């Protein structure tokens, strides 16, 4: 994937190397959020989910549980043209998935 041009406020351009680093971070630090994506997508049998690939338009997950394996694509509301835009889009998806499942969101877990 070629480097995406960054618009003001979207952060550094998303390169292949940066997308790989983000995928690794998500797999290590956001396991519960990835699982929430899968469960909110009606894969209630899901026990684990991990990022296979990601791009400026969304995330491809591998979902595992109860002896099943399924791939799941989660698209962003709009393409992320930079690191900050990616973080915002991913945050929106996390909040929606967790709210749909009745789980606390980041906003719920912090004092105002």
C-alpha atoms as a PDB file:
ATOM      1  CA  UNK A   1       0.000   0.000   0.000  1.00  0.00           C
ATOM      2  CA  UNK A   2       1.352   3.409  -0.866  1.00  0.00           C
ATOM      3  CA  UNK A   3       1.713   6.165   1.687  1.00  0.00           C
ATOM      4  CA  UNK A   4      -1.522   8.069   2.162  1.00  0.00           C
ATOM      5  CA  UNK A   5      -1.441  11.838   1.969  1.00  0.00           C
ATOM      6  CA  UNK A   6      -2.161  13.452   5.340  1.00  0.00           C
ATOM      7  CA  UNK A   7      -4.726  16.209   5.666  1.00  0.00           C
ATOM      8  CA  UNK A   8      -4.403  18.811   8.382  1.00  0.00           C
ATOM      9  CA  UNK A   9      -5.629  17.318  11.669  1.00  0.00           C
ATOM     10  CA  UNK A  10      -5.368  13.714  10.495  1.00  0.00           C
ATOM     11  CA  UNK A  11      -1.833  13.142  11.756  1.00  0.00           C
ATOM     12  CA  UNK A  12       1.123  11.435  10.123  1.00  0.00           C
ATOM     13  CA  UNK A  13       0.471   9.510   6.912  1.00  0.00           C
ATOM     14  CA  UNK A  14      -0.269   5.808   7.306  1.00  0.00           C
ATOM     15  CA  UNK A  15       2.536   3.784   5.758  1.00  0.00           C
ATOM     16  CA  UNK A  16       2.645  -0.003   5.488  1.00  0.00           C
ATOM     17  CA  UNK A  17       5.237  -0.092   8.276  1.00  0.00           C
ATOM     18  CA  UNK A  18       3.083   2.064  10.536  1.00  0.00           C
ATOM     19  CA  UNK A  19      -0.054   0.011   9.818  1.00  0.00           C
ATOM     20  CA  UNK A  20       1.860  -3.156  10.769  1.00  0.00           C
ATOM     21  CA  UNK A  21       2.969  -1.546  14.036  1.00  0.00           C
ATOM     22  CA  UNK A  22      -0.609  -0.458  14.775  1.00  0.00           C
ATOM     23  CA  UNK A  23      -1.896  -3.987  14.065  1.00  0.00           C
ATOM     24  CA  UNK A  24       0.685  -5.424  16.493  1.00  0.00           C
ATOM     25  CA  UNK A  25      -0.329  -2.871  19.137  1.00  0.00           C
ATOM     26  CA  UNK A  26      -4.018  -3.673  18.714  1.00  0.00           C
ATOM     27  CA  UNK A  27      -3.360  -7.416  19.020  1.00  0.00           C
ATOM     28  CA  UNK A  28      -1.354  -6.909  22.202  1.00  0.00           C
ATOM     29  CA  UNK A  29      -3.194  -4.085  23.968  1.00  0.00           C
ATOM     30  CA  UNK A  30      -6.774  -4.153  22.658  1.00  0.00           C
ATOM     31  CA  UNK A  31      -7.781  -7.822  22.780  1.00  0.00           C
ATOM     32  CA  UNK A  32     -11.018  -7.059  24.628  1.00  0.00           C
ATOM     33  CA  UNK A  33     -11.950  -4.387  22.080  1.00  0.00           C
ATOM     34  CA  UNK A  34     -11.283  -6.726  19.152  1.00  0.00           C
ATOM     35  CA  UNK A  35     -13.401  -9.394  20.803  1.00  0.00           C
ATOM     36  CA  UNK A  36     -16.166  -6.815  21.314  1.00  0.00           C
ATOM     37  CA  UNK A  37     -16.088  -6.074  17.552  1.00  0.00           C
ATOM     38  CA  UNK A  38     -16.665  -9.744  16.813  1.00  0.00           C
ATOM     39  CA  UNK A  39     -19.377 -10.242  19.400  1.00  0.00           C
ATOM     40  CA  UNK A  40     -21.174  -7.057  18.331  1.00  0.00           C
ATOM     41  CA  UNK A  41     -21.126  -8.429  14.760  1.00  0.00           C
ATOM     42  CA  UNK A  42     -23.305 -11.337  15.971  1.00  0.00           C
ATOM     43  CA  UNK A  43     -20.413 -13.731  16.425  1.00  0.00           C
ATOM     44  CA  UNK A  44     -21.448 -14.421  20.023  1.00  0.00           C
ATOM     45  CA  UNK A  45     -19.444 -17.663  19.979  1.00  0.00           C
ATOM     46  CA  UNK A  46     -16.219 -15.662  19.633  1.00  0.00           C
ATOM     47  CA  UNK A  47     -13.573 -16.261  22.285  1.00  0.00           C
ATOM     48  CA  UNK A  48     -10.657 -14.467  20.602  1.00  0.00           C
ATOM     49  CA  UNK A  49     -10.182 -11.983  17.792  1.00  0.00           C
ATOM     50  CA  UNK A  50      -7.001 -10.658  16.258  1.00  0.00           C
ATOM     51  CA  UNK A  51      -6.099  -8.213  13.518  1.00  0.00           C
ATOM     52  CA  UNK A  52      -4.909  -9.943  10.366  1.00  0.00           C
ATOM     53  CA  UNK A  53      -4.543  -6.769   8.326  1.00  0.00           C
ATOM     54  CA  UNK A  54      -5.711  -3.209   8.432  1.00  0.00           C
ATOM     55  CA  UNK A  55      -5.837  -0.338   6.007  1.00  0.00           C
ATOM     56  CA  UNK A  56      -7.160   3.192   5.862  1.00  0.00           C
ATOM     57  CA  UNK A  57     -10.718   1.913   5.299  1.00  0.00           C
ATOM     58  CA  UNK A  58     -10.959  -0.661   8.097  1.00  0.00           C
ATOM     59  CA  UNK A  59      -9.741  -3.761   9.891  1.00  0.00           C
ATOM     60  CA  UNK A  60      -9.708  -7.459   8.929  1.00  0.00           C
ATOM     61  CA  UNK A  61     -10.046  -9.777  11.902  1.00  0.00           C
ATOM     62  CA  UNK A  62      -9.690 -13.482  12.463  1.00  0.00           C
ATOM     63  CA  UNK A  63     -12.271 -14.622  15.007  1.00  0.00           C
ATOM     64  CA  UNK A  64     -11.853 -17.933  16.859  1.00  0.00           C
ATOM     65  CA  UNK A  65     -14.119 -19.770  19.280  1.00  0.00           C
ATOM     66  CA  UNK A  66     -16.054 -22.982  19.906  1.00  0.00           C
ATOM     67  CA  UNK A  67     -13.973 -24.776  17.273  1.00  0.00           C
ATOM     68  CA  UNK A  68     -14.822 -22.203  14.596  1.00  0.00           C
ATOM     69  CA  UNK A  69     -12.671 -19.709  12.722  1.00  0.00           C
ATOM     70  CA  UNK A  70     -14.156 -16.853  10.725  1.00  0.00           C
ATOM     71  CA  UNK A  71     -12.785 -13.740   9.062  1.00  0.00           C
ATOM     72  CA  UNK A  72     -14.553 -10.458   9.726  1.00  0.00           C
ATOM     73  CA  UNK A  73     -14.158  -7.078   8.025  1.00  0.00           C
ATOM     74  CA  UNK A  74     -14.960  -3.969  10.057  1.00  0.00           C
ATOM     75  CA  UNK A  75     -15.116  -0.810   7.921  1.00  0.00           C
ATOM     76  CA  UNK A  76     -14.510   2.656   9.304  1.00  0.00           C
ATOM     77  CA  UNK A  77     -17.279   5.241   8.934  1.00  0.00           C
ATOM     78  CA  UNK A  78     -14.899   7.117   6.623  1.00  0.00           C
ATOM     79  CA  UNK A  79     -11.335   6.449   5.418  1.00  0.00           C
ATOM     80  CA  UNK A  80      -8.583   7.307   7.886  1.00  0.00           C
ATOM     81  CA  UNK A  81      -6.074   9.478   6.059  1.00  0.00           C
ATOM     82  CA  UNK A  82      -3.589   9.659   8.921  1.00  0.00           C
ATOM     83  CA  UNK A  83      -2.688   8.279  12.342  1.00  0.00           C
ATOM     84  CA  UNK A  84      -4.981  10.605  14.277  1.00  0.00           C
ATOM     85  CA  UNK A  85      -7.883   9.960  11.908  1.00  0.00           C
ATOM     86  CA  UNK A  86      -7.281   6.207  12.328  1.00  0.00           C
ATOM     87  CA  UNK A  87      -7.306   6.554  16.104  1.00  0.00           C
ATOM     88  CA  UNK A  88     -10.573   8.526  15.999  1.00  0.00           C
ATOM     89  CA  UNK A  89     -12.247   6.033  13.644  1.00  0.00           C
ATOM     90  CA  UNK A  90     -11.076   3.055  15.672  1.00  0.00           C
ATOM     91  CA  UNK A  91     -12.273   4.747  18.864  1.00  0.00           C
ATOM     92  CA  UNK A  92     -15.745   5.253  17.386  1.00  0.00           C
ATOM     93  CA  UNK A  93     -15.934   1.559  16.452  1.00  0.00           C
ATOM     94  CA  UNK A  94     -14.778   0.500  19.921  1.00  0.00           C
ATOM     95  CA  UNK A  95     -17.349   2.706  21.634  1.00  0.00           C
ATOM     96  CA  UNK A  96     -20.193   1.462  19.407  1.00  0.00           C
ATOM     97  CA  UNK A  97     -19.281  -2.199  19.835  1.00  0.00           C
ATOM     98  CA  UNK A  98     -18.865  -1.972  23.590  1.00  0.00           C
ATOM     99  CA  UNK A  99     -22.082   0.013  24.002  1.00  0.00           C
ATOM    100  CA  UNK A 100     -23.993  -2.498  21.871  1.00  0.00           C
ATOM    101  CA  UNK A 101     -22.803  -5.266  24.196  1.00  0.00           C
ATOM    102  CA  UNK A 102     -23.538  -3.269  27.349  1.00  0.00           C
ATOM    103  CA  UNK A 103     -19.847  -3.062  28.236  1.00  0.00           C
ATOM    104  CA  UNK A 104     -18.248   0.033  29.751  1.00  0.00           C
ATOM    105  CA  UNK A 105     -16.581   2.354  27.260  1.00  0.00           C
ATOM    106  CA  UNK A 106     -13.434   4.374  27.830  1.00  0.00           C
ATOM    107  CA  UNK A 107     -15.604   7.390  28.668  1.00  0.00           C
ATOM    108  CA  UNK A 108     -17.500   5.325  31.275  1.00  0.00           C
ATOM    109  CA  UNK A 109     -14.318   4.268  33.031  1.00  0.00           C
ATOM    110  CA  UNK A 110     -12.879   7.764  33.597  1.00  0.00           C
ATOM    111  CA  UNK A 111     -13.981  10.563  35.874  1.00  0.00           C
ATOM    112  CA  UNK A 112     -15.158  13.707  34.007  1.00  0.00           C
END
